[in-house]
Amino acid sequence: MAGVRPGHVLAVNAATGLVVWVLLPVVTLTGALLAAQVTLCVLSATRPRRVSVRALVAMCLPAPRAWRSIS
């Protein structure tokens, strides 16, 4: 895929994953975690470690809300 930049992939993946997770947390908790894992793989390949660590923390912030909605 020539012309596709990792930053664009990250932005689209993060925005889509967060919106879906907020709207449908019960259905998409596993999917959101998988999307976070894919995003972190791209991040770790293209950015310094500290950026990946901050992104991991940010992606895990909605998790308590998702778990509350399940139970």
PDB file of N, CA and C in Angstrom:
ATOM      1  N   MET A   1       0.840  -1.173   0.000  1.00  0.00           N
ATOM      2  CA  MET A   1       0.000   0.000   0.000  1.00  0.00           C
ATOM      3  C   MET A   1       0.884   1.235   0.000  1.00  0.00           C
ATOM      4  N   ALA A   2       1.264   1.636  -1.160  1.00  0.00           N
ATOM      5  CA  ALA A   2       2.121   2.806  -1.280  1.00  0.00           C
ATOM      6  C   ALA A   2       1.348   4.066  -0.921  1.00  0.00           C
ATOM      7  N   GLY A   3       2.008   4.940  -0.217  1.00  0.00           N
ATOM      8  CA  GLY A   3       1.393   6.206   0.137  1.00  0.00           C
ATOM      9  C   GLY A   3       0.670   6.215   1.471  1.00  0.00           C
ATOM     10  N   VAL A   4       0.472   5.058   2.079  1.00  0.00           N
ATOM     11  CA  VAL A   4      -0.189   5.006   3.385  1.00  0.00           C
ATOM     12  C   VAL A   4       0.876   5.165   4.456  1.00  0.00           C
ATOM     13  N   ARG A   5       0.697   6.156   5.302  1.00  0.00           N
ATOM     14  CA  ARG A   5       1.679   6.427   6.344  1.00  0.00           C
ATOM     15  C   ARG A   5       1.222   5.835   7.669  1.00  0.00           C
ATOM     16  N   PRO A   6       2.159   5.359   8.475  1.00  0.00           N
ATOM     17  CA  PRO A   6       1.792   4.783   9.774  1.00  0.00           C
ATOM     18  C   PRO A   6       0.988   5.740  10.651  1.00  0.00           C
ATOM     19  N   GLY A   7       1.298   7.019  10.594  1.00  0.00           N
ATOM     20  CA  GLY A   7       0.557   7.993  11.394  1.00  0.00           C
ATOM     21  C   GLY A   7      -0.913   8.050  11.026  1.00  0.00           C
ATOM     22  N   HIS A   8      -1.203   7.923   9.734  1.00  0.00           N
ATOM     23  CA  HIS A   8      -2.599   7.925   9.293  1.00  0.00           C
ATOM     24  C   HIS A   8      -3.310   6.665   9.773  1.00  0.00           C
ATOM     25  N   VAL A   9      -2.631   5.532   9.682  1.00  0.00           N
ATOM     26  CA  VAL A   9      -3.209   4.271  10.169  1.00  0.00           C
ATOM     27  C   VAL A   9      -3.511   4.379  11.656  1.00  0.00           C
ATOM     28  N   LEU A  10      -2.581   4.923  12.415  1.00  0.00           N
ATOM     29  CA  LEU A  10      -2.785   5.077  13.858  1.00  0.00           C
ATOM     30  C   LEU A  10      -3.962   5.988  14.164  1.00  0.00           C
ATOM     31  N   ALA A  11      -4.044   7.106  13.477  1.00  0.00           N
ATOM     32  CA  ALA A  11      -5.121   8.059  13.746  1.00  0.00           C
ATOM     33  C   ALA A  11      -6.485   7.454  13.451  1.00  0.00           C
ATOM     34  N   VAL A  12      -6.616   6.807  12.312  1.00  0.00           N
ATOM     35  CA  VAL A  12      -7.902   6.202  11.951  1.00  0.00           C
ATOM     36  C   VAL A  12      -8.239   5.062  12.895  1.00  0.00           C
ATOM     37  N   ASN A  13      -7.272   4.213  13.193  1.00  0.00           N
ATOM     38  CA  ASN A  13      -7.508   3.077  14.084  1.00  0.00           C
ATOM     39  C   ASN A  13      -7.883   3.543  15.483  1.00  0.00           C
ATOM     40  N   ALA A  14      -7.181   4.520  16.000  1.00  0.00           N
ATOM     41  CA  ALA A  14      -7.469   5.011  17.350  1.00  0.00           C
ATOM     42  C   ALA A  14      -8.840   5.670  17.416  1.00  0.00           C
ATOM     43  N   ALA A  15      -9.157   6.507  16.455  1.00  0.00           N
ATOM     44  CA  ALA A  15     -10.456   7.194  16.460  1.00  0.00           C
ATOM     45  C   ALA A  15     -11.603   6.206  16.309  1.00  0.00           C
ATOM     46  N   THR A  16     -11.489   5.301  15.361  1.00  0.00           N
ATOM     47  CA  THR A  16     -12.550   4.316  15.145  1.00  0.00           C
ATOM     48  C   THR A  16     -12.707   3.406  16.350  1.00  0.00           C
ATOM     49  N   GLY A  17     -11.604   2.912  16.870  1.00  0.00           N
ATOM     50  CA  GLY A  17     -11.663   2.026  18.034  1.00  0.00           C
ATOM     51  C   GLY A  17     -12.288   2.692  19.246  1.00  0.00           C
ATOM     52  N   LEU A  18     -11.926   3.935  19.505  1.00  0.00           N
ATOM     53  CA  LEU A  18     -12.470   4.639  20.665  1.00  0.00           C
ATOM     54  C   LEU A  18     -13.966   4.902  20.510  1.00  0.00           C
ATOM     55  N   VAL A  19     -14.387   5.324  19.325  1.00  0.00           N
ATOM     56  CA  VAL A  19     -15.813   5.591  19.095  1.00  0.00           C
ATOM     57  C   VAL A  19     -16.634   4.317  19.250  1.00  0.00           C
ATOM     58  N   VAL A  20     -16.178   3.232  18.652  1.00  0.00           N
ATOM     59  CA  VAL A  20     -16.920   1.972  18.753  1.00  0.00           C
ATOM     60  C   VAL A  20     -16.940   1.478  20.191  1.00  0.00           C
ATOM     61  N   TRP A  21     -15.822   1.592  20.891  1.00  0.00           N
ATOM     62  CA  TRP A  21     -15.756   1.119  22.270  1.00  0.00           C
ATOM     63  C   TRP A  21     -16.705   1.916  23.165  1.00  0.00           C
ATOM     64  N   VAL A  22     -16.774   3.215  22.968  1.00  0.00           N
ATOM     65  CA  VAL A  22     -17.660   4.058  23.778  1.00  0.00           C
ATOM     66  C   VAL A  22     -19.128   3.755  23.468  1.00  0.00           C
ATOM     67  N   LEU A  23     -19.452   3.548  22.199  1.00  0.00           N
ATOM     68  CA  LEU A  23     -20.843   3.319  21.815  1.00  0.00           C
ATOM     69  C   LEU A  23     -21.335   1.908  22.143  1.00  0.00           C
ATOM     70  N   LEU A  24     -20.478   0.916  22.006  1.00  0.00           N
ATOM     71  CA  LEU A  24     -20.889  -0.472  22.206  1.00  0.00           C
ATOM     72  C   LEU A  24     -19.892  -1.225  23.089  1.00  0.00           C
ATOM     73  N   PRO A  25     -19.710  -0.828  24.334  1.00  0.00           N
ATOM     74  CA  PRO A  25     -18.654  -1.428  25.150  1.00  0.00           C
ATOM     75  C   PRO A  25     -18.856  -2.913  25.435  1.00  0.00           C
ATOM     76  N   VAL A  26     -20.079  -3.357  25.611  1.00  0.00           N
ATOM     77  CA  VAL A  26     -20.313  -4.764  25.936  1.00  0.00           C
ATOM     78  C   VAL A  26     -19.922  -5.656  24.766  1.00  0.00           C
ATOM     79  N   VAL A  27     -20.312  -5.246  23.583  1.00  0.00           N
ATOM     80  CA  VAL A  27     -20.075  -6.065  22.401  1.00  0.00           C
ATOM     81  C   VAL A  27     -18.622  -6.006  21.962  1.00  0.00           C
ATOM     82  N   THR A  28     -17.992  -4.878  22.159  1.00  0.00           N
ATOM     83  CA  THR A  28     -16.699  -4.662  21.514  1.00  0.00           C
ATOM     84  C   THR A  28     -15.505  -4.619  22.456  1.00  0.00           C
ATOM     85  N   LEU A  29     -15.667  -5.052  23.692  1.00  0.00           N
ATOM     86  CA  LEU A  29     -14.527  -4.984  24.605  1.00  0.00           C
ATOM     87  C   LEU A  29     -13.341  -5.773  24.060  1.00  0.00           C
ATOM     88  N   THR A  30     -13.583  -6.998  23.617  1.00  0.00           N
ATOM     89  CA  THR A  30     -12.500  -7.803  23.057  1.00  0.00           C
ATOM     90  C   THR A  30     -11.965  -7.179  21.775  1.00  0.00           C
ATOM     91  N   GLY A  31     -12.862  -6.685  20.938  1.00  0.00           N
ATOM     92  CA  GLY A  31     -12.435  -6.034  19.700  1.00  0.00           C
ATOM     93  C   GLY A  31     -11.615  -4.784  19.959  1.00  0.00           C
ATOM     94  N   ALA A  32     -12.010  -4.031  20.983  1.00  0.00           N
ATOM     95  CA  ALA A  32     -11.270  -2.817  21.320  1.00  0.00           C
ATOM     96  C   ALA A  32      -9.867  -3.156  21.814  1.00  0.00           C
ATOM     97  N   LEU A  33      -9.763  -4.204  22.607  1.00  0.00           N
ATOM     98  CA  LEU A  33      -8.440  -4.614  23.082  1.00  0.00           C
ATOM     99  C   LEU A  33      -7.579  -5.105  21.926  1.00  0.00           C
ATOM    100  N   LEU A  34      -8.184  -5.803  20.976  1.00  0.00           N
ATOM    101  CA  LEU A  34      -7.443  -6.242  19.794  1.00  0.00           C
ATOM    102  C   LEU A  34      -6.988  -5.041  18.964  1.00  0.00           C
ATOM    103  N   ALA A  35      -7.875  -4.056  18.801  1.00  0.00           N
ATOM    104  CA  ALA A  35      -7.503  -2.840  18.063  1.00  0.00           C
ATOM    105  C   ALA A  35      -6.366  -2.111  18.768  1.00  0.00           C
ATOM    106  N   ALA A  36      -6.416  -2.072  20.096  1.00  0.00           N
ATOM    107  CA  ALA A  36      -5.334  -1.442  20.855  1.00  0.00           C
ATOM    108  C   ALA A  36      -4.020  -2.176  20.623  1.00  0.00           C
ATOM    109  N   GLN A  37      -4.078  -3.497  20.569  1.00  0.00           N
ATOM    110  CA  GLN A  37      -2.867  -4.282  20.339  1.00  0.00           C
ATOM    111  C   GLN A  37      -2.288  -3.991  18.953  1.00  0.00           C
ATOM    112  N   VAL A  38      -3.144  -3.925  17.945  1.00  0.00           N
ATOM    113  CA  VAL A  38      -2.672  -3.617  16.589  1.00  0.00           C
ATOM    114  C   VAL A  38      -2.059  -2.223  16.544  1.00  0.00           C
ATOM    115  N   THR A  39      -2.736  -1.271  17.172  1.00  0.00           N
ATOM    116  CA  THR A  39      -2.218   0.097  17.207  1.00  0.00           C
ATOM    117  C   THR A  39      -0.864   0.149  17.888  1.00  0.00           C
ATOM    118  N   LEU A  40      -0.725  -0.569  18.986  1.00  0.00           N
ATOM    119  CA  LEU A  40       0.559  -0.580  19.692  1.00  0.00           C
ATOM    120  C   LEU A  40       1.661  -1.222  18.861  1.00  0.00           C
ATOM    121  N   CYS A  41       1.315  -2.225  18.063  1.00  0.00           N
ATOM    122  CA  CYS A  41       2.315  -2.829  17.175  1.00  0.00           C
ATOM    123  C   CYS A  41       2.827  -1.802  16.167  1.00  0.00           C
ATOM    124  N   VAL A  42       1.897  -1.041  15.586  1.00  0.00           N
ATOM    125  CA  VAL A  42       2.300  -0.007  14.633  1.00  0.00           C
ATOM    126  C   VAL A  42       3.102   1.075  15.343  1.00  0.00           C
ATOM    127  N   LEU A  43       2.619   1.486  16.528  1.00  0.00           N
ATOM    128  CA  LEU A  43       3.330   2.516  17.291  1.00  0.00           C
ATOM    129  C   LEU A  43       4.747   2.082  17.626  1.00  0.00           C
ATOM    130  N   SER A  44       4.895   0.865  18.115  1.00  0.00           N
ATOM    131  CA  SER A  44       6.224   0.425  18.540  1.00  0.00           C
ATOM    132  C   SER A  44       7.181   0.300  17.364  1.00  0.00           C
ATOM    133  N   ALA A  45       6.641   0.104  16.178  1.00  0.00           N
ATOM    134  CA  ALA A  45       7.495   0.010  15.000  1.00  0.00           C
ATOM    135  C   ALA A  45       7.887   1.378  14.455  1.00  0.00           C
ATOM    136  N   THR A  46       7.102   2.405  14.794  1.00  0.00           N
ATOM    137  CA  THR A  46       7.336   3.705  14.165  1.00  0.00           C
ATOM    138  C   THR A  46       7.684   4.828  15.132  1.00  0.00           C
ATOM    139  N   ARG A  47       7.492   4.613  16.414  1.00  0.00           N
ATOM    140  CA  ARG A  47       7.681   5.682  17.400  1.00  0.00           C
ATOM    141  C   ARG A  47       8.590   5.215  18.542  1.00  0.00           C
ATOM    142  N   PRO A  48       9.146   6.155  19.305  1.00  0.00           N
ATOM    143  CA  PRO A  48       9.945   5.785  20.479  1.00  0.00           C
ATOM    144  C   PRO A  48       9.085   5.078  21.541  1.00  0.00           C
ATOM    145  N   ARG A  49       9.733   4.350  22.444  1.00  0.00           N
ATOM    146  CA  ARG A  49       9.048   3.563  23.467  1.00  0.00           C
ATOM    147  C   ARG A  49       8.125   4.410  24.338  1.00  0.00           C
ATOM    148  N   ARG A  50       8.543   5.605  24.710  1.00  0.00           N
ATOM    149  CA  ARG A  50       7.720   6.427  25.605  1.00  0.00           C
ATOM    150  C   ARG A  50       6.372   6.769  24.978  1.00  0.00           C
ATOM    151  N   VAL A  51       6.332   6.914  23.655  1.00  0.00           N
ATOM    152  CA  VAL A  51       5.069   7.182  22.961  1.00  0.00           C
ATOM    153  C   VAL A  51       4.164   5.959  23.049  1.00  0.00           C
ATOM    154  N   SER A  52       4.739   4.770  22.879  1.00  0.00           N
ATOM    155  CA  SER A  52       3.960   3.537  22.983  1.00  0.00           C
ATOM    156  C   SER A  52       3.388   3.359  24.380  1.00  0.00           C
ATOM    157  N   VAL A  53       4.171   3.672  25.399  1.00  0.00           N
ATOM    158  CA  VAL A  53       3.703   3.530  26.784  1.00  0.00           C
ATOM    159  C   VAL A  53       2.546   4.484  27.047  1.00  0.00           C
ATOM    160  N   ARG A  54       2.668   5.724  26.620  1.00  0.00           N
ATOM    161  CA  ARG A  54       1.570   6.690  26.802  1.00  0.00           C
ATOM    162  C   ARG A  54       0.320   6.253  26.043  1.00  0.00           C
ATOM    163  N   ALA A  55       0.496   5.732  24.851  1.00  0.00           N
ATOM    164  CA  ALA A  55      -0.654   5.272  24.064  1.00  0.00           C
ATOM    165  C   ALA A  55      -1.336   4.091  24.745  1.00  0.00           C
ATOM    166  N   LEU A  56      -0.555   3.188  25.318  1.00  0.00           N
ATOM    167  CA  LEU A  56      -1.135   2.045  26.030  1.00  0.00           C
ATOM    168  C   LEU A  56      -1.977   2.514  27.204  1.00  0.00           C
ATOM    169  N   VAL A  57      -1.468   3.451  27.964  1.00  0.00           N
ATOM    170  CA  VAL A  57      -2.223   3.991  29.104  1.00  0.00           C
ATOM    171  C   VAL A  57      -3.516   4.643  28.614  1.00  0.00           C
ATOM    172  N   ALA A  58      -3.439   5.433  27.558  1.00  0.00           N
ATOM    173  CA  ALA A  58      -4.630   6.110  27.031  1.00  0.00           C
ATOM    174  C   ALA A  58      -5.668   5.116  26.523  1.00  0.00           C
ATOM    175  N   MET A  59      -5.221   4.037  25.895  1.00  0.00           N
ATOM    176  CA  MET A  59      -6.153   3.049  25.365  1.00  0.00           C
ATOM    177  C   MET A  59      -6.820   2.229  26.459  1.00  0.00           C
ATOM    178  N   CYS A  60      -6.176   2.128  27.606  1.00  0.00           N
ATOM    179  CA  CYS A  60      -6.748   1.343  28.708  1.00  0.00           C
ATOM    180  C   CYS A  60      -7.696   2.162  29.584  1.00  0.00           C
ATOM    181  N   LEU A  61      -7.712   3.470  29.443  1.00  0.00           N
ATOM    182  CA  LEU A  61      -8.572   4.307  30.281  1.00  0.00           C
ATOM    183  C   LEU A  61     -10.063   3.975  30.170  1.00  0.00           C
ATOM    184  N   PRO A  62     -10.607   3.667  28.989  1.00  0.00           N
ATOM    185  CA  PRO A  62     -12.041   3.340  28.922  1.00  0.00           C
ATOM    186  C   PRO A  62     -12.398   1.959  29.478  1.00  0.00           C
ATOM    187  N   ALA A  63     -11.427   1.128  29.801  1.00  0.00           N
ATOM    188  CA  ALA A  63     -11.709  -0.245  30.232  1.00  0.00           C
ATOM    189  C   ALA A  63     -12.619  -0.341  31.452  1.00  0.00           C
ATOM    190  N   PRO A  64     -12.430   0.437  32.515  1.00  0.00           N
ATOM    191  CA  PRO A  64     -13.345   0.307  33.662  1.00  0.00           C
ATOM    192  C   PRO A  64     -14.802   0.574  33.293  1.00  0.00           C
ATOM    193  N   ARG A  65     -15.042   1.539  32.434  1.00  0.00           N
ATOM    194  CA  ARG A  65     -16.415   1.822  32.002  1.00  0.00           C
ATOM    195  C   ARG A  65     -16.992   0.625  31.254  1.00  0.00           C
ATOM    196  N   ALA A  66     -16.191   0.011  30.413  1.00  0.00           N
ATOM    197  CA  ALA A  66     -16.660  -1.147  29.654  1.00  0.00           C
ATOM    198  C   ALA A  66     -16.973  -2.314  30.584  1.00  0.00           C
ATOM    199  N   TRP A  67     -16.121  -2.544  31.573  1.00  0.00           N
ATOM    200  CA  TRP A  67     -16.366  -3.650  32.509  1.00  0.00           C
ATOM    201  C   TRP A  67     -17.620  -3.401  33.337  1.00  0.00           C
ATOM    202  N   ARG A  68     -17.857  -2.150  33.749  1.00  0.00           N
ATOM    203  CA  ARG A  68     -19.070  -1.830  34.519  1.00  0.00           C
ATOM    204  C   ARG A  68     -20.325  -2.088  33.705  1.00  0.00           C
ATOM    205  N   SER A  69     -20.273  -1.818  32.417  1.00  0.00           N
ATOM    206  CA  SER A  69     -21.462  -2.004  31.590  1.00  0.00           C
ATOM    207  C   SER A  69     -21.769  -3.479  31.350  1.00  0.00           C
ATOM    208  N   ILE A  70     -20.766  -4.337  31.490  1.00  0.00           N
ATOM    209  CA  ILE A  70     -20.982  -5.774  31.309  1.00  0.00           C
ATOM    210  C   ILE A  70     -21.682  -6.365  32.521  1.00  0.00           C
ATOM    211  N   SER A  71     -21.260  -5.940  33.708  1.00  0.00           N
ATOM    212  CA  SER A  71     -21.810  -6.560  34.919  1.00  0.00           C
ATOM    213  C   SER A  71     -23.070  -5.905  35.412  1.00  0.00           C
TER     214      SER A  71
END
